[in-house]
Amino acid sequence: MSKKISSMDVAHIAKLTNLTLSDAENEKLSQMLSDTLGHVGILEEIETSSVPETFQVTGLTNVYRDTNFPVTSLTKEEVLQNALIQKNGKIGTKAVFGRE
Protein backbone atom coordinates (compact mmCIF):
# COMPACT_ATOMS: atom_id res chain seq x y z
CA MET A 1 0.00 0.00 0.00
CA SER A 2 1.53 3.30 -1.02
CA LYS A 3 1.16 6.50 0.92
CA LYS A 4 -0.26 9.47 -0.96
CA ILE A 5 1.83 12.60 -0.63
CA SER A 6 -0.64 15.47 -0.55
CA SER A 7 -0.20 18.90 -2.06
CA MET A 8 -0.07 20.22 1.51
CA ASP A 9 2.87 17.90 2.22
CA VAL A 10 4.68 19.19 -0.86
CA ALA A 11 3.91 22.79 0.09
CA HIS A 12 5.33 22.14 3.56
CA ILE A 13 8.51 20.61 2.12
CA ALA A 14 8.81 23.53 -0.31
CA LYS A 15 8.52 25.99 2.57
CA LEU A 16 11.18 24.14 4.58
CA THR A 17 13.54 24.17 1.60
CA ASN A 18 12.72 27.77 0.67
CA LEU A 19 11.40 26.79 -2.77
CA THR A 20 8.62 28.55 -4.61
CA LEU A 21 6.40 26.13 -6.51
CA SER A 22 3.54 26.83 -8.86
CA ASP A 23 0.29 24.90 -8.36
CA ALA A 24 1.18 22.73 -11.37
CA GLU A 25 4.64 21.97 -9.96
CA ASN A 26 3.13 21.20 -6.58
CA GLU A 27 0.67 18.71 -8.10
CA LYS A 28 3.35 17.13 -10.27
CA LEU A 29 5.72 16.68 -7.31
CA SER A 30 2.89 15.30 -5.19
CA GLN A 31 2.24 12.62 -7.82
CA MET A 32 5.94 11.90 -8.40
CA LEU A 33 6.71 11.52 -4.69
CA SER A 34 3.66 9.30 -4.21
CA ASP A 35 4.77 7.13 -7.14
CA THR A 36 8.30 6.91 -5.73
CA LEU A 37 7.01 5.80 -2.34
CA GLY A 38 4.84 3.25 -4.10
CA HIS A 39 7.84 1.78 -5.90
CA VAL A 40 9.89 1.70 -2.70
CA GLY A 41 6.93 0.11 -0.92
CA ILE A 42 7.20 -2.85 -3.27
CA LEU A 43 10.53 -3.66 -1.60
CA GLU A 44 8.67 -4.32 1.65
CA GLU A 45 6.94 -7.25 -0.02
CA ILE A 46 10.19 -9.06 -0.85
CA GLU A 47 10.91 -12.08 1.36
CA THR A 48 14.40 -11.49 2.78
CA SER A 49 14.37 -13.51 6.00
CA SER A 50 16.66 -16.17 4.49
CA VAL A 51 19.11 -13.65 3.03
CA PRO A 52 22.16 -13.02 5.22
CA GLU A 53 22.87 -9.44 6.21
CA THR A 54 25.49 -7.82 4.00
CA PHE A 55 27.53 -4.74 4.67
CA GLN A 56 30.07 -5.20 1.88
CA VAL A 57 30.44 -7.59 -1.02
CA THR A 58 34.08 -7.44 -2.11
CA GLY A 59 35.50 -9.73 0.57
CA LEU A 60 38.37 -7.32 1.13
CA THR A 61 39.43 -6.61 4.69
CA ASN A 62 41.79 -4.05 6.19
CA VAL A 63 42.46 -2.41 2.85
CA TYR A 64 43.99 1.02 3.12
CA ARG A 65 45.91 3.19 0.76
CA ASP A 66 49.66 2.81 0.57
CA THR A 67 51.24 5.23 3.03
CA ASN A 68 54.79 4.66 1.82
CA PHE A 69 54.87 7.63 -0.50
CA PRO A 70 56.45 11.03 -0.01
CA VAL A 71 54.09 13.58 1.44
CA THR A 72 54.63 17.14 0.31
CA SER A 73 52.72 19.95 1.87
CA LEU A 74 53.13 23.62 2.54
CA THR A 75 54.48 24.90 5.81
CA LYS A 76 52.30 27.14 7.96
CA GLU A 77 54.37 30.13 6.90
CA GLU A 78 53.92 29.30 3.20
CA VAL A 79 50.17 28.97 3.65
CA LEU A 80 49.94 32.29 5.48
CA GLN A 81 51.99 34.00 2.75
CA ASN A 82 49.22 33.08 0.30
CA ALA A 83 46.35 34.18 2.55
CA LEU A 84 44.70 37.49 1.73
CA ILE A 85 43.81 38.05 5.40
CA GLN A 86 45.94 36.90 8.33
CA LYS A 87 44.87 37.21 11.93
CA ASN A 88 46.77 35.88 14.96
CA GLY A 89 48.82 33.50 12.81
CA LYS A 90 45.74 32.05 11.13
CA ILE A 91 43.91 32.56 7.84
CA GLY A 92 41.18 35.16 8.23
CA THR A 93 38.05 35.87 6.23
CA LYS A 94 35.82 38.86 5.73
CA ALA A 95 32.97 39.14 8.21
CA VAL A 96 30.07 36.88 7.32
CA PHE A 97 27.42 38.38 9.59
CA GLY A 98 28.31 42.05 9.20
CA ARG A 99 30.72 42.14 12.13
CA GLU A 100 34.48 42.59 12.10
C-alpha atoms as a PDB file:
ATOM      1  CA  MET A   1       0.000   0.000   0.000  1.00  0.00           C
ATOM      2  CA  SER A   2       1.526   3.297  -1.018  1.00  0.00           C
ATOM      3  CA  LYS A   3       1.164   6.502   0.915  1.00  0.00           C
ATOM      4  CA  LYS A   4      -0.262   9.465  -0.955  1.00  0.00           C
ATOM      5  CA  ILE A   5       1.830  12.600  -0.629  1.00  0.00           C
ATOM      6  CA  SER A   6      -0.638  15.468  -0.553  1.00  0.00           C
ATOM      7  CA  SER A   7      -0.202  18.902  -2.057  1.00  0.00           C
ATOM      8  CA  MET A   8      -0.075  20.223   1.506  1.00  0.00           C
ATOM      9  CA  ASP A   9       2.874  17.897   2.224  1.00  0.00           C
ATOM     10  CA  VAL A  10       4.681  19.186  -0.857  1.00  0.00           C
ATOM     11  CA  ALA A  11       3.913  22.795   0.092  1.00  0.00           C
ATOM     12  CA  HIS A  12       5.335  22.145   3.565  1.00  0.00           C
ATOM     13  CA  ILE A  13       8.510  20.613   2.121  1.00  0.00           C
ATOM     14  CA  ALA A  14       8.814  23.533  -0.312  1.00  0.00           C
ATOM     15  CA  LYS A  15       8.524  25.989   2.569  1.00  0.00           C
ATOM     16  CA  LEU A  16      11.179  24.137   4.583  1.00  0.00           C
ATOM     17  CA  THR A  17      13.537  24.166   1.600  1.00  0.00           C
ATOM     18  CA  ASN A  18      12.725  27.767   0.666  1.00  0.00           C
ATOM     19  CA  LEU A  19      11.397  26.788  -2.767  1.00  0.00           C
ATOM     20  CA  THR A  20       8.619  28.551  -4.606  1.00  0.00           C
ATOM     21  CA  LEU A  21       6.398  26.130  -6.512  1.00  0.00           C
ATOM     22  CA  SER A  22       3.538  26.832  -8.856  1.00  0.00           C
ATOM     23  CA  ASP A  23       0.294  24.898  -8.361  1.00  0.00           C
ATOM     24  CA  ALA A  24       1.182  22.731 -11.366  1.00  0.00           C
ATOM     25  CA  GLU A  25       4.642  21.968  -9.963  1.00  0.00           C
ATOM     26  CA  ASN A  26       3.127  21.197  -6.578  1.00  0.00           C
ATOM     27  CA  GLU A  27       0.666  18.708  -8.096  1.00  0.00           C
ATOM     28  CA  LYS A  28       3.354  17.126 -10.270  1.00  0.00           C
ATOM     29  CA  LEU A  29       5.718  16.681  -7.309  1.00  0.00           C
ATOM     30  CA  SER A  30       2.889  15.298  -5.195  1.00  0.00           C
ATOM     31  CA  GLN A  31       2.240  12.624  -7.825  1.00  0.00           C
ATOM     32  CA  MET A  32       5.940  11.896  -8.404  1.00  0.00           C
ATOM     33  CA  LEU A  33       6.707  11.518  -4.694  1.00  0.00           C
ATOM     34  CA  SER A  34       3.659   9.299  -4.214  1.00  0.00           C
ATOM     35  CA  ASP A  35       4.772   7.132  -7.143  1.00  0.00           C
ATOM     36  CA  THR A  36       8.299   6.906  -5.729  1.00  0.00           C
ATOM     37  CA  LEU A  37       7.009   5.804  -2.336  1.00  0.00           C
ATOM     38  CA  GLY A  38       4.837   3.246  -4.098  1.00  0.00           C
ATOM     39  CA  HIS A  39       7.840   1.779  -5.897  1.00  0.00           C
ATOM     40  CA  VAL A  40       9.891   1.704  -2.704  1.00  0.00           C
ATOM     41  CA  GLY A  41       6.932   0.111  -0.919  1.00  0.00           C
ATOM     42  CA  ILE A  42       7.201  -2.854  -3.269  1.00  0.00           C
ATOM     43  CA  LEU A  43      10.530  -3.664  -1.604  1.00  0.00           C
ATOM     44  CA  GLU A  44       8.674  -4.316   1.650  1.00  0.00           C
ATOM     45  CA  GLU A  45       6.942  -7.254  -0.024  1.00  0.00           C
ATOM     46  CA  ILE A  46      10.186  -9.063  -0.846  1.00  0.00           C
ATOM     47  CA  GLU A  47      10.906 -12.080   1.362  1.00  0.00           C
ATOM     48  CA  THR A  48      14.398 -11.492   2.776  1.00  0.00           C
ATOM     49  CA  SER A  49      14.373 -13.511   5.999  1.00  0.00           C
ATOM     50  CA  SER A  50      16.660 -16.173   4.488  1.00  0.00           C
ATOM     51  CA  VAL A  51      19.111 -13.647   3.034  1.00  0.00           C
ATOM     52  CA  PRO A  52      22.164 -13.017   5.225  1.00  0.00           C
ATOM     53  CA  GLU A  53      22.874  -9.436   6.206  1.00  0.00           C
ATOM     54  CA  THR A  54      25.493  -7.823   4.000  1.00  0.00           C
ATOM     55  CA  PHE A  55      27.532  -4.741   4.673  1.00  0.00           C
ATOM     56  CA  GLN A  56      30.066  -5.203   1.880  1.00  0.00           C
ATOM     57  CA  VAL A  57      30.438  -7.593  -1.020  1.00  0.00           C
ATOM     58  CA  THR A  58      34.083  -7.436  -2.109  1.00  0.00           C
ATOM     59  CA  GLY A  59      35.495  -9.730   0.565  1.00  0.00           C
ATOM     60  CA  LEU A  60      38.365  -7.325   1.126  1.00  0.00           C
ATOM     61  CA  THR A  61      39.426  -6.605   4.692  1.00  0.00           C
ATOM     62  CA  ASN A  62      41.791  -4.045   6.193  1.00  0.00           C
ATOM     63  CA  VAL A  63      42.465  -2.408   2.849  1.00  0.00           C
ATOM     64  CA  TYR A  64      43.991   1.016   3.124  1.00  0.00           C
ATOM     65  CA  ARG A  65      45.914   3.188   0.763  1.00  0.00           C
ATOM     66  CA  ASP A  66      49.661   2.806   0.574  1.00  0.00           C
ATOM     67  CA  THR A  67      51.243   5.226   3.027  1.00  0.00           C
ATOM     68  CA  ASN A  68      54.788   4.664   1.821  1.00  0.00           C
ATOM     69  CA  PHE A  69      54.871   7.635  -0.496  1.00  0.00           C
ATOM     70  CA  PRO A  70      56.453  11.033  -0.007  1.00  0.00           C
ATOM     71  CA  VAL A  71      54.095  13.583   1.445  1.00  0.00           C
ATOM     72  CA  THR A  72      54.630  17.137   0.314  1.00  0.00           C
ATOM     73  CA  SER A  73      52.720  19.951   1.872  1.00  0.00           C
ATOM     74  CA  LEU A  74      53.134  23.621   2.540  1.00  0.00           C
ATOM     75  CA  THR A  75      54.477  24.904   5.814  1.00  0.00           C
ATOM     76  CA  LYS A  76      52.297  27.140   7.957  1.00  0.00           C
ATOM     77  CA  GLU A  77      54.371  30.132   6.897  1.00  0.00           C
ATOM     78  CA  GLU A  78      53.922  29.298   3.197  1.00  0.00           C
ATOM     79  CA  VAL A  79      50.174  28.975   3.649  1.00  0.00           C
ATOM     80  CA  LEU A  80      49.945  32.293   5.482  1.00  0.00           C
ATOM     81  CA  GLN A  81      51.993  33.997   2.748  1.00  0.00           C
ATOM     82  CA  ASN A  82      49.225  33.084   0.297  1.00  0.00           C
ATOM     83  CA  ALA A  83      46.354  34.177   2.551  1.00  0.00           C
ATOM     84  CA  LEU A  84      44.697  37.486   1.731  1.00  0.00           C
ATOM     85  CA  ILE A  85      43.808  38.047   5.395  1.00  0.00           C
ATOM     86  CA  GLN A  86      45.937  36.897   8.329  1.00  0.00           C
ATOM     87  CA  LYS A  87      44.871  37.206  11.931  1.00  0.00           C
ATOM     88  CA  ASN A  88      46.768  35.877  14.963  1.00  0.00           C
ATOM     89  CA  GLY A  89      48.816  33.504  12.812  1.00  0.00           C
ATOM     90  CA  LYS A  90      45.742  32.054  11.127  1.00  0.00           C
ATOM     91  CA  ILE A  91      43.914  32.559   7.845  1.00  0.00           C
ATOM     92  CA  GLY A  92      41.180  35.157   8.227  1.00  0.00           C
ATOM     93  CA  THR A  93      38.052  35.874   6.235  1.00  0.00           C
ATOM     94  CA  LYS A  94      35.825  38.862   5.731  1.00  0.00           C
ATOM     95  CA  ALA A  95      32.971  39.142   8.205  1.00  0.00           C
ATOM     96  CA  VAL A  96      30.065  36.882   7.323  1.00  0.00           C
ATOM     97  CA  PHE A  97      27.419  38.375   9.588  1.00  0.00           C
ATOM     98  CA  GLY A  98      28.312  42.046   9.198  1.00  0.00           C
ATOM     99  CA  ARG A  99      30.725  42.138  12.131  1.00  0.00           C
ATOM    100  CA  GLU A 100      34.480  42.586  12.101  1.00  0.00           C
END
